[in-house]
PDB file of N, CA and C in Angstrom:
ATOM      1  N   MET A   1       0.737  -1.277   0.125  1.00  0.00           N
ATOM      2  CA  MET A   1      -0.006  -0.183  -0.060  1.00  0.00           C
ATOM      3  C   MET A   1       1.001   1.126   0.134  1.00  0.00           C
ATOM      4  N   THR A   2       0.469   2.330  -0.722  1.00  0.00           N
ATOM      5  CA  THR A   2       1.233   3.530  -0.882  1.00  0.00           C
ATOM      6  C   THR A   2       0.961   4.380   0.226  1.00  0.00           C
ATOM      7  N   ASN A   3       1.509   5.322   0.826  1.00  0.00           N
ATOM      8  CA  ASN A   3       1.283   6.380   1.735  1.00  0.00           C
ATOM      9  C   ASN A   3       1.312   7.527   0.929  1.00  0.00           C
ATOM     10  N   ILE A   4       0.345   8.615   1.483  1.00  0.00           N
ATOM     11  CA  ILE A   4       0.235   9.909   0.769  1.00  0.00           C
ATOM     12  C   ILE A   4       0.082  10.950   1.927  1.00  0.00           C
ATOM     13  N   THR A   5       0.496  12.196   1.723  1.00  0.00           N
ATOM     14  CA  THR A   5       0.466  13.190   2.738  1.00  0.00           C
ATOM     15  C   THR A   5      -0.522  14.102   2.344  1.00  0.00           C
ATOM     16  N   LEU A   6      -1.521  14.431   3.223  1.00  0.00           N
ATOM     17  CA  LEU A   6      -2.671  15.487   2.947  1.00  0.00           C
ATOM     18  C   LEU A   6      -2.551  16.804   3.687  1.00  0.00           C
ATOM     19  N   SER A   7      -2.599  17.708   3.366  1.00  0.00           N
ATOM     20  CA  SER A   7      -2.486  19.098   4.228  1.00  0.00           C
ATOM     21  C   SER A   7      -4.090  19.322   4.277  1.00  0.00           C
ATOM     22  N   ILE A   8      -4.306  19.889   5.647  1.00  0.00           N
ATOM     23  CA  ILE A   8      -5.834  20.097   5.618  1.00  0.00           C
ATOM     24  C   ILE A   8      -5.419  21.511   6.634  1.00  0.00           C
ATOM     25  N   GLU A   9      -6.548  22.379   6.683  1.00  0.00           N
ATOM     26  CA  GLU A   9      -6.413  23.697   7.546  1.00  0.00           C
ATOM     27  C   GLU A   9      -6.640  23.318   8.647  1.00  0.00           C
ATOM     28  N   ASN A  10      -5.993  23.987   9.857  1.00  0.00           N
ATOM     29  CA  ASN A  10      -5.986  23.746  11.216  1.00  0.00           C
ATOM     30  C   ASN A  10      -7.462  23.524  11.838  1.00  0.00           C
ATOM     31  N   GLN A  11      -8.374  24.477  11.334  1.00  0.00           N
ATOM     32  CA  GLN A  11      -9.651  24.464  11.767  1.00  0.00           C
ATOM     33  C   GLN A  11     -10.323  23.249  11.422  1.00  0.00           C
ATOM     34  N   VAL A  12     -10.028  22.650  10.496  1.00  0.00           N
ATOM     35  CA  VAL A  12     -10.811  21.234   9.852  1.00  0.00           C
ATOM     36  C   VAL A  12     -10.129  19.950  10.860  1.00  0.00           C
ATOM     37  N   TYR A  13      -8.719  20.431  10.951  1.00  0.00           N
ATOM     38  CA  TYR A  13      -8.036  19.449  11.922  1.00  0.00           C
ATOM     39  C   TYR A  13      -8.616  19.433  13.360  1.00  0.00           C
ATOM     40  N   SER A  14      -8.981  20.272  13.737  1.00  0.00           N
ATOM     41  CA  SER A  14      -9.455  20.540  15.179  1.00  0.00           C
ATOM     42  C   SER A  14     -10.869  19.884  15.131  1.00  0.00           C
ATOM     43  N   GLU A  15     -11.614  20.155  14.142  1.00  0.00           N
ATOM     44  CA  GLU A  15     -12.988  19.521  14.083  1.00  0.00           C
ATOM     45  C   GLU A  15     -12.995  18.091  13.949  1.00  0.00           C
ATOM     46  N   MET A  16     -11.742  17.458  13.119  1.00  0.00           N
ATOM     47  CA  MET A  16     -11.772  16.295  13.008  1.00  0.00           C
ATOM     48  C   MET A  16     -11.361  15.429  14.378  1.00  0.00           C
ATOM     49  N   LYS A  17     -10.797  16.208  15.009  1.00  0.00           N
ATOM     50  CA  LYS A  17     -10.203  15.736  16.517  1.00  0.00           C
ATOM     51  C   LYS A  17     -11.493  15.429  17.652  1.00  0.00           C
ATOM     52  N   LYS A  18     -12.525  16.132  17.174  1.00  0.00           N
ATOM     53  CA  LYS A  18     -13.636  15.961  17.987  1.00  0.00           C
ATOM     54  C   LYS A  18     -14.391  14.622  17.965  1.00  0.00           C
ATOM     55  N   TYR A  19     -14.112  13.974  16.529  1.00  0.00           N
ATOM     56  CA  TYR A  19     -14.580  12.850  16.117  1.00  0.00           C
ATOM     57  C   TYR A  19     -13.629  11.850  16.106  1.00  0.00           C
ATOM     58  N   SER A  20     -12.872  11.648  17.503  1.00  0.00           N
ATOM     59  CA  SER A  20     -11.594  10.623  17.071  1.00  0.00           C
ATOM     60  C   SER A  20     -12.103   9.127  16.836  1.00  0.00           C
ATOM     61  N   GLU A  21     -13.271   9.012  16.970  1.00  0.00           N
ATOM     62  CA  GLU A  21     -13.946   7.693  16.884  1.00  0.00           C
ATOM     63  C   GLU A  21     -13.802   7.114  15.240  1.00  0.00           C
ATOM     64  N   ILE A  22     -13.982   8.169  14.553  1.00  0.00           N
ATOM     65  CA  ILE A  22     -13.884   8.193  12.938  1.00  0.00           C
ATOM     66  C   ILE A  22     -12.296   7.744  12.538  1.00  0.00           C
ATOM     67  N   LYS A  23     -12.216   6.807  11.849  1.00  0.00           N
ATOM     68  CA  LYS A  23     -11.010   6.430  11.134  1.00  0.00           C
ATOM     69  C   LYS A  23     -10.886   7.188   9.828  1.00  0.00           C
ATOM     70  N   TRP A  24     -10.310   8.390   9.967  1.00  0.00           N
ATOM     71  CA  TRP A  24     -10.250   9.222   8.903  1.00  0.00           C
ATOM     72  C   TRP A  24      -9.514   8.805   7.577  1.00  0.00           C
ATOM     73  N   SER A  25      -8.525   8.061   7.890  1.00  0.00           N
ATOM     74  CA  SER A  25      -7.792   7.568   6.707  1.00  0.00           C
ATOM     75  C   SER A  25      -8.611   6.726   6.024  1.00  0.00           C
ATOM     76  N   GLU A  26      -9.449   5.703   6.609  1.00  0.00           N
ATOM     77  CA  GLU A  26     -10.156   4.797   5.937  1.00  0.00           C
ATOM     78  C   GLU A  26     -11.341   5.588   5.461  1.00  0.00           C
ATOM     79  N   PHE A  27     -11.866   6.859   5.818  1.00  0.00           N
ATOM     80  CA  PHE A  27     -12.843   7.242   5.285  1.00  0.00           C
ATOM     81  C   PHE A  27     -12.240   8.314   3.949  1.00  0.00           C
ATOM     82  N   ILE A  28     -11.161   8.611   3.904  1.00  0.00           N
ATOM     83  CA  ILE A  28     -10.458   9.209   2.840  1.00  0.00           C
ATOM     84  C   ILE A  28     -10.224   8.065   1.912  1.00  0.00           C
ATOM     85  N   ARG A  29      -9.779   7.084   2.126  1.00  0.00           N
ATOM     86  CA  ARG A  29      -9.552   5.929   1.071  1.00  0.00           C
ATOM     87  C   ARG A  29     -10.722   5.616   0.281  1.00  0.00           C
ATOM     88  N   LYS A  30     -12.012   5.583   1.134  1.00  0.00           N
ATOM     89  CA  LYS A  30     -13.296   5.122   0.464  1.00  0.00           C
ATOM     90  C   LYS A  30     -13.703   6.159  -0.567  1.00  0.00           C
ATOM     91  N   ALA A  31     -13.649   7.549   0.023  1.00  0.00           N
ATOM     92  CA  ALA A  31     -14.078   8.527  -0.638  1.00  0.00           C
ATOM     93  C   ALA A  31     -13.259   8.657  -2.251  1.00  0.00           C
ATOM     94  N   ILE A  32     -11.943   8.665  -2.155  1.00  0.00           N
ATOM     95  CA  ILE A  32     -11.242   8.579  -3.138  1.00  0.00           C
ATOM     96  C   ILE A  32     -11.643   7.407  -4.112  1.00  0.00           C
ATOM     97  N   LYS A  33     -11.687   6.398  -3.640  1.00  0.00           N
ATOM     98  CA  LYS A  33     -12.108   5.062  -4.551  1.00  0.00           C
ATOM     99  C   LYS A  33     -13.398   5.231  -5.015  1.00  0.00           C
ATOM    100  N   GLN A  34     -14.303   6.100  -4.275  1.00  0.00           N
ATOM    101  CA  GLN A  34     -15.598   6.145  -4.852  1.00  0.00           C
ATOM    102  C   GLN A  34     -15.477   7.268  -5.987  1.00  0.00           C
ATOM    103  N   ARG A  35     -14.738   8.368  -5.840  1.00  0.00           N
ATOM    104  CA  ARG A  35     -14.462   9.036  -6.839  1.00  0.00           C
ATOM    105  C   ARG A  35     -13.945   8.716  -8.182  1.00  0.00           C
ATOM    106  N   ILE A  36     -13.059   7.692  -7.922  1.00  0.00           N
ATOM    107  CA  ILE A  36     -12.384   7.155  -9.066  1.00  0.00           C
ATOM    108  C   ILE A  36     -13.409   6.322  -9.982  1.00  0.00           C
ATOM    109  N   GLU A  37     -14.251   5.573  -9.198  1.00  0.00           N
ATOM    110  CA  GLU A  37     -15.179   4.645  -9.772  1.00  0.00           C
ATOM    111  C   GLU A  37     -16.209   5.832 -10.519  1.00  0.00           C
ATOM    112  N   GLU A  38     -16.733   6.670 -10.126  1.00  0.00           N
ATOM    113  CA  GLU A  38     -17.522   7.740 -10.804  1.00  0.00           C
ATOM    114  C   GLU A  38     -16.808   8.191 -11.965  1.00  0.00           C
ATOM    115  N   LEU A  39     -15.575   8.328 -12.039  1.00  0.00           N
ATOM    116  CA  LEU A  39     -14.575   8.851 -13.174  1.00  0.00           C
ATOM    117  C   LEU A  39     -14.601   7.728 -14.150  1.00  0.00           C
ATOM    118  N   THR A  40     -14.424   6.831 -13.576  1.00  0.00           N
ATOM    119  CA  THR A  40     -14.271   5.581 -14.593  1.00  0.00           C
ATOM    120  C   THR A  40     -15.686   5.416 -15.302  1.00  0.00           C
ATOM    121  N   GLN A  41     -16.558   5.462 -14.635  1.00  0.00           N
ATOM    122  CA  GLN A  41     -17.839   5.335 -15.417  1.00  0.00           C
ATOM    123  C   GLN A  41     -18.234   6.690 -16.372  1.00  0.00           C
ATOM    124  N   ILE A  42     -17.645   7.645 -16.035  1.00  0.00           N
ATOM    125  CA  ILE A  42     -17.940   8.780 -17.165  1.00  0.00           C
ATOM    126  C   ILE A  42     -16.753   8.554 -18.278  1.00  0.00           C
ATOM    127  N   ASP A  43     -15.709   8.140 -18.091  1.00  0.00           N
ATOM    128  CA  ASP A  43     -14.467   7.857 -19.270  1.00  0.00           C
ATOM    129  C   ASP A  43     -15.316   6.696 -19.984  1.00  0.00           C
ATOM    130  N   GLN A  44     -16.092   5.746 -19.165  1.00  0.00           N
ATOM    131  CA  GLN A  44     -16.545   4.685 -20.360  1.00  0.00           C
ATOM    132  C   GLN A  44     -17.741   4.994 -20.955  1.00  0.00           C
ATOM    133  N   ASN A  45     -18.420   5.942 -20.677  1.00  0.00           N
ATOM    134  CA  ASN A  45     -19.551   6.512 -21.367  1.00  0.00           C
ATOM    135  C   ASN A  45     -19.464   7.957 -21.809  1.00  0.00           C
ATOM    136  N   LYS A  46     -18.214   8.091 -22.584  1.00  0.00           N
ATOM    137  CA  LYS A  46     -17.926   9.335 -23.246  1.00  0.00           C
ATOM    138  C   LYS A  46     -19.308  10.293 -23.876  1.00  0.00           C
ATOM    139  N   ASN A  47     -19.938   9.418 -24.473  1.00  0.00           N
ATOM    140  CA  ASN A  47     -21.128  10.080 -25.060  1.00  0.00           C
ATOM    141  C   ASN A  47     -22.019  11.047 -24.084  1.00  0.00           C
ATOM    142  N   THR A  48     -22.378  10.417 -23.003  1.00  0.00           N
ATOM    143  CA  THR A  48     -23.011  10.916 -21.769  1.00  0.00           C
ATOM    144  C   THR A  48     -22.381  12.149 -20.923  1.00  0.00           C
ATOM    145  N   GLU A  49     -21.058  12.142 -21.306  1.00  0.00           N
ATOM    146  CA  GLU A  49     -20.159  13.031 -20.253  1.00  0.00           C
ATOM    147  C   GLU A  49     -20.485  14.496 -20.473  1.00  0.00           C
ATOM    148  N   GLY A  50     -21.025  14.853 -21.914  1.00  0.00           N
ATOM    149  CA  GLY A  50     -21.369  15.989 -22.079  1.00  0.00           C
ATOM    150  C   GLY A  50     -22.571  16.572 -21.568  1.00  0.00           C
ATOM    151  N   ILE A  51     -23.708  15.579 -21.341  1.00  0.00           N
ATOM    152  CA  ILE A  51     -24.883  15.734 -20.524  1.00  0.00           C
ATOM    153  C   ILE A  51     -24.701  15.957 -19.325  1.00  0.00           C
ATOM    154  N   LEU A  52     -23.815  14.934 -18.492  1.00  0.00           N
ATOM    155  CA  LEU A  52     -23.807  14.931 -17.197  1.00  0.00           C
ATOM    156  C   LEU A  52     -22.869  16.366 -16.638  1.00  0.00           C
ATOM    157  N   THR A  53     -21.956  16.731 -17.454  1.00  0.00           N
ATOM    158  CA  THR A  53     -21.427  18.125 -17.334  1.00  0.00           C
ATOM    159  C   THR A  53     -22.130  19.382 -17.252  1.00  0.00           C
ATOM    160  N   MET A  54     -23.052  19.156 -18.332  1.00  0.00           N
ATOM    161  CA  MET A  54     -24.072  20.209 -18.515  1.00  0.00           C
ATOM    162  C   MET A  54     -25.134  20.495 -17.255  1.00  0.00           C
ATOM    163  N   LEU A  55     -25.591  19.185 -16.870  1.00  0.00           N
ATOM    164  CA  LEU A  55     -26.387  19.208 -15.742  1.00  0.00           C
ATOM    165  C   LEU A  55     -25.606  19.581 -14.387  1.00  0.00           C
ATOM    166  N   ALA A  56     -24.620  19.327 -14.178  1.00  0.00           N
ATOM    167  CA  ALA A  56     -23.829  19.631 -13.086  1.00  0.00           C
ATOM    168  C   ALA A  56     -23.450  21.208 -12.987  1.00  0.00           C
ATOM    169  N   SER A  57     -23.116  21.708 -14.388  1.00  0.00           N
ATOM    170  CA  SER A  57     -22.987  23.126 -14.328  1.00  0.00           C
ATOM    171  C   SER A  57     -24.377  23.937 -13.981  1.00  0.00           C
ATOM    172  N   GLU A  58     -25.249  23.310 -14.644  1.00  0.00           N
ATOM    173  CA  GLU A  58     -26.814  23.995 -14.473  1.00  0.00           C
ATOM    174  C   GLU A  58     -27.010  24.125 -13.078  1.00  0.00           C
ATOM    175  N   GLN A  59     -26.610  23.090 -12.295  1.00  0.00           N
ATOM    176  CA  GLN A  59     -27.364  22.947 -10.867  1.00  0.00           C
ATOM    177  C   GLN A  59     -26.110  23.818 -10.293  1.00  0.00           C
ATOM    178  N   THR A  60     -24.790  23.849 -10.478  1.00  0.00           N
ATOM    179  CA  THR A  60     -24.192  24.662  -9.643  1.00  0.00           C
ATOM    180  C   THR A  60     -24.407  26.077 -10.154  1.00  0.00           C
ATOM    181  N   LEU A  61     -24.556  26.406 -11.142  1.00  0.00           N
ATOM    182  CA  LEU A  61     -25.051  27.789 -11.563  1.00  0.00           C
ATOM    183  C   LEU A  61     -26.467  28.432 -10.862  1.00  0.00           C
ATOM    184  N   LYS A  62     -27.318  27.420 -10.988  1.00  0.00           N
ATOM    185  CA  LYS A  62     -28.675  27.884 -10.362  1.00  0.00           C
ATOM    186  C   LYS A  62     -28.446  27.999  -8.829  1.00  0.00           C
ATOM    187  N   LYS A  63     -27.638  27.353  -8.272  1.00  0.00           N
ATOM    188  CA  LYS A  63     -27.557  27.375  -6.946  1.00  0.00           C
ATOM    189  C   LYS A  63     -26.553  28.805  -6.418  1.00  0.00           C
ATOM    190  N   ASP A  64     -25.807  29.289  -7.156  1.00  0.00           N
ATOM    191  CA  ASP A  64     -24.739  30.319  -6.957  1.00  0.00           C
ATOM    192  C   ASP A  64     -25.476  31.598  -7.509  1.00  0.00           C
ATOM    193  N   TRP A  65     -26.789  31.425  -8.625  1.00  0.00           N
ATOM    194  CA  TRP A  65     -27.335  32.858  -8.965  1.00  0.00           C
ATOM    195  C   TRP A  65     -28.680  32.804  -8.478  1.00  0.00           C
ATOM    196  N   ASP A  66     -29.194  31.807  -7.632  1.00  0.00           N
ATOM    197  CA  ASP A  66     -30.704  32.002  -7.004  1.00  0.00           C
ATOM    198  C   ASP A  66     -30.414  32.457  -5.716  1.00  0.00           C
ATOM    199  N   ASN A  67     -30.436  33.748  -5.390  1.00  0.00           N
ATOM    200  CA  ASN A  67     -30.167  34.137  -4.280  1.00  0.00           C
ATOM    201  C   ASN A  67     -31.211  35.724  -4.079  1.00  0.00           C
ATOM    202  N   GLU A  68     -31.421  36.028  -3.111  1.00  0.00           N
ATOM    203  CA  GLU A  68     -32.215  37.259  -2.935  1.00  0.00           C
ATOM    204  C   GLU A  68     -31.492  38.645  -3.236  1.00  0.00           C
ATOM    205  N   ALA A  69     -30.243  38.577  -3.234  1.00  0.00           N
ATOM    206  CA  ALA A  69     -29.362  39.979  -3.576  1.00  0.00           C
ATOM    207  C   ALA A  69     -29.430  40.002  -5.176  1.00  0.00           C
ATOM    208  N   ASP A  70     -29.560  39.088  -5.956  1.00  0.00           N
ATOM    209  CA  ASP A  70     -29.751  38.922  -7.292  1.00  0.00           C
ATOM    210  C   ASP A  70     -31.139  39.149  -7.772  1.00  0.00           C
ATOM    211  N   GLU A  71     -32.055  39.179  -7.179  1.00  0.00           N
ATOM    212  CA  GLU A  71     -33.396  39.176  -7.538  1.00  0.00           C
ATOM    213  C   GLU A  71     -33.771  40.549  -8.153  1.00  0.00           C
ATOM    214  N   ARG A  72     -33.043  41.567  -7.624  1.00  0.00           N
ATOM    215  CA  ARG A  72     -33.309  42.830  -8.229  1.00  0.00           C
ATOM    216  C   ARG A  72     -33.011  43.043  -9.730  1.00  0.00           C
ATOM    217  N   TRP A  73     -32.229  42.198 -10.073  1.00  0.00           N
ATOM    218  CA  TRP A  73     -31.762  42.221 -11.729  1.00  0.00           C
ATOM    219  C   TRP A  73     -32.998  41.574 -12.446  1.00  0.00           C
ATOM    220  N   ASN A  74     -33.991  40.856 -11.777  1.00  0.00           N
ATOM    221  CA  ASN A  74     -35.283  40.213 -12.525  1.00  0.00           C
ATOM    222  C   ASN A  74     -36.173  41.359 -12.963  1.00  0.00           C
ATOM    223  N   HIS A  75     -35.893  42.658 -12.316  1.00  0.00           N
ATOM    224  CA  HIS A  75     -36.711  43.892 -12.904  1.00  0.00           C
ATOM    225  C   HIS A  75     -36.297  44.763 -13.570  1.00  0.00           C
ATOM    226  N   VAL A  76     -34.958  44.632 -14.098  1.00  0.00           N
ATOM    227  CA  VAL A  76     -34.403  45.604 -14.669  1.00  0.00           C
ATOM    228  C   VAL A  76     -34.772  45.614 -16.220  1.00  0.00           C
TER     229      VAL A  76
END
Protein backbone atom coordinates (compact mmCIF):
# COMPACT_ATOMS: atom_id res chain seq x y z
CA MET A 1 0.00 0.00 0.00
CA THR A 2 1.27 3.48 -0.86
CA ASN A 3 1.23 6.34 1.65
CA ILE A 4 0.30 9.91 0.77
CA THR A 5 0.46 13.13 2.75
CA LEU A 6 -2.59 15.36 2.94
CA SER A 7 -2.58 18.99 4.07
CA ILE A 8 -5.70 20.39 5.70
CA GLU A 9 -6.55 23.62 7.45
CA ASN A 10 -5.97 23.77 11.21
CA GLN A 11 -9.65 24.44 11.85
CA VAL A 12 -10.65 21.32 9.92
CA TYR A 13 -8.11 19.27 11.87
CA SER A 14 -9.51 20.57 15.15
CA GLU A 15 -13.00 19.54 14.08
CA MET A 16 -11.73 16.10 13.05
CA LYS A 17 -10.19 15.59 16.50
CA LYS A 18 -13.66 16.01 18.04
CA TYR A 19 -14.68 12.82 16.25
CA SER A 20 -11.73 10.65 17.17
CA GLU A 21 -13.82 7.48 16.80
CA ILE A 22 -13.81 7.98 13.02
CA LYS A 23 -10.93 6.38 11.17
CA TRP A 24 -10.23 9.35 8.91
CA SER A 25 -7.69 7.50 6.76
CA GLU A 26 -10.26 4.85 5.93
CA PHE A 27 -12.87 7.52 5.24
CA ILE A 28 -10.57 9.29 2.78
CA ARG A 29 -9.57 5.99 1.11
CA LYS A 30 -13.25 5.19 0.50
CA ALA A 31 -13.99 8.71 -0.79
CA ILE A 32 -11.08 8.54 -3.24
CA LYS A 33 -12.10 5.08 -4.41
CA GLN A 34 -15.71 6.22 -4.94
CA ARG A 35 -14.60 9.25 -6.95
CA ILE A 36 -12.33 7.10 -9.14
CA GLU A 37 -15.25 4.74 -9.81
CA GLU A 38 -17.42 7.72 -10.82
CA LEU A 39 -14.73 9.07 -13.14
CA THR A 40 -14.20 5.63 -14.65
CA GLN A 41 -17.91 5.38 -15.43
CA ILE A 42 -17.81 8.79 -17.11
CA ASP A 43 -14.76 7.72 -19.14
CA GLN A 44 -16.56 4.55 -20.25
CA ASN A 45 -19.62 6.53 -21.33
CA LYS A 46 -18.00 9.41 -23.21
CA ASN A 47 -21.18 10.28 -25.13
CA THR A 48 -23.03 11.00 -21.86
CA GLU A 49 -20.18 13.01 -20.35
CA GLY A 50 -21.36 16.22 -22.01
CA ILE A 51 -24.86 15.77 -20.62
CA LEU A 52 -23.56 15.08 -17.09
CA THR A 53 -21.26 18.09 -17.24
CA MET A 54 -24.08 20.28 -18.50
CA LEU A 55 -26.44 19.13 -15.73
CA ALA A 56 -23.79 19.59 -13.04
CA SER A 57 -22.97 23.05 -14.36
CA GLU A 58 -26.64 24.00 -14.48
CA GLN A 59 -27.17 22.93 -10.88
CA THR A 60 -24.06 24.78 -9.71
CA LEU A 61 -25.02 27.93 -11.57
CA LYS A 62 -28.60 27.78 -10.29
CA LYS A 63 -27.37 27.49 -6.71
CA ASP A 64 -24.92 30.35 -7.17
CA TRP A 65 -27.35 32.63 -8.96
CA ASP A 66 -30.61 31.98 -7.12
CA ASN A 67 -30.35 34.31 -4.17
CA GLU A 68 -32.22 37.32 -2.90
CA ALA A 69 -29.39 39.76 -3.65
CA ASP A 70 -29.66 38.96 -7.34
CA GLU A 71 -33.47 39.16 -7.49
CA ARG A 72 -33.25 42.89 -8.14
CA TRP A 73 -31.89 42.12 -11.63
CA ASN A 74 -35.15 40.36 -12.57
CA HIS A 75 -36.90 43.73 -12.73
CA VAL A 76 -34.36 45.67 -14.77
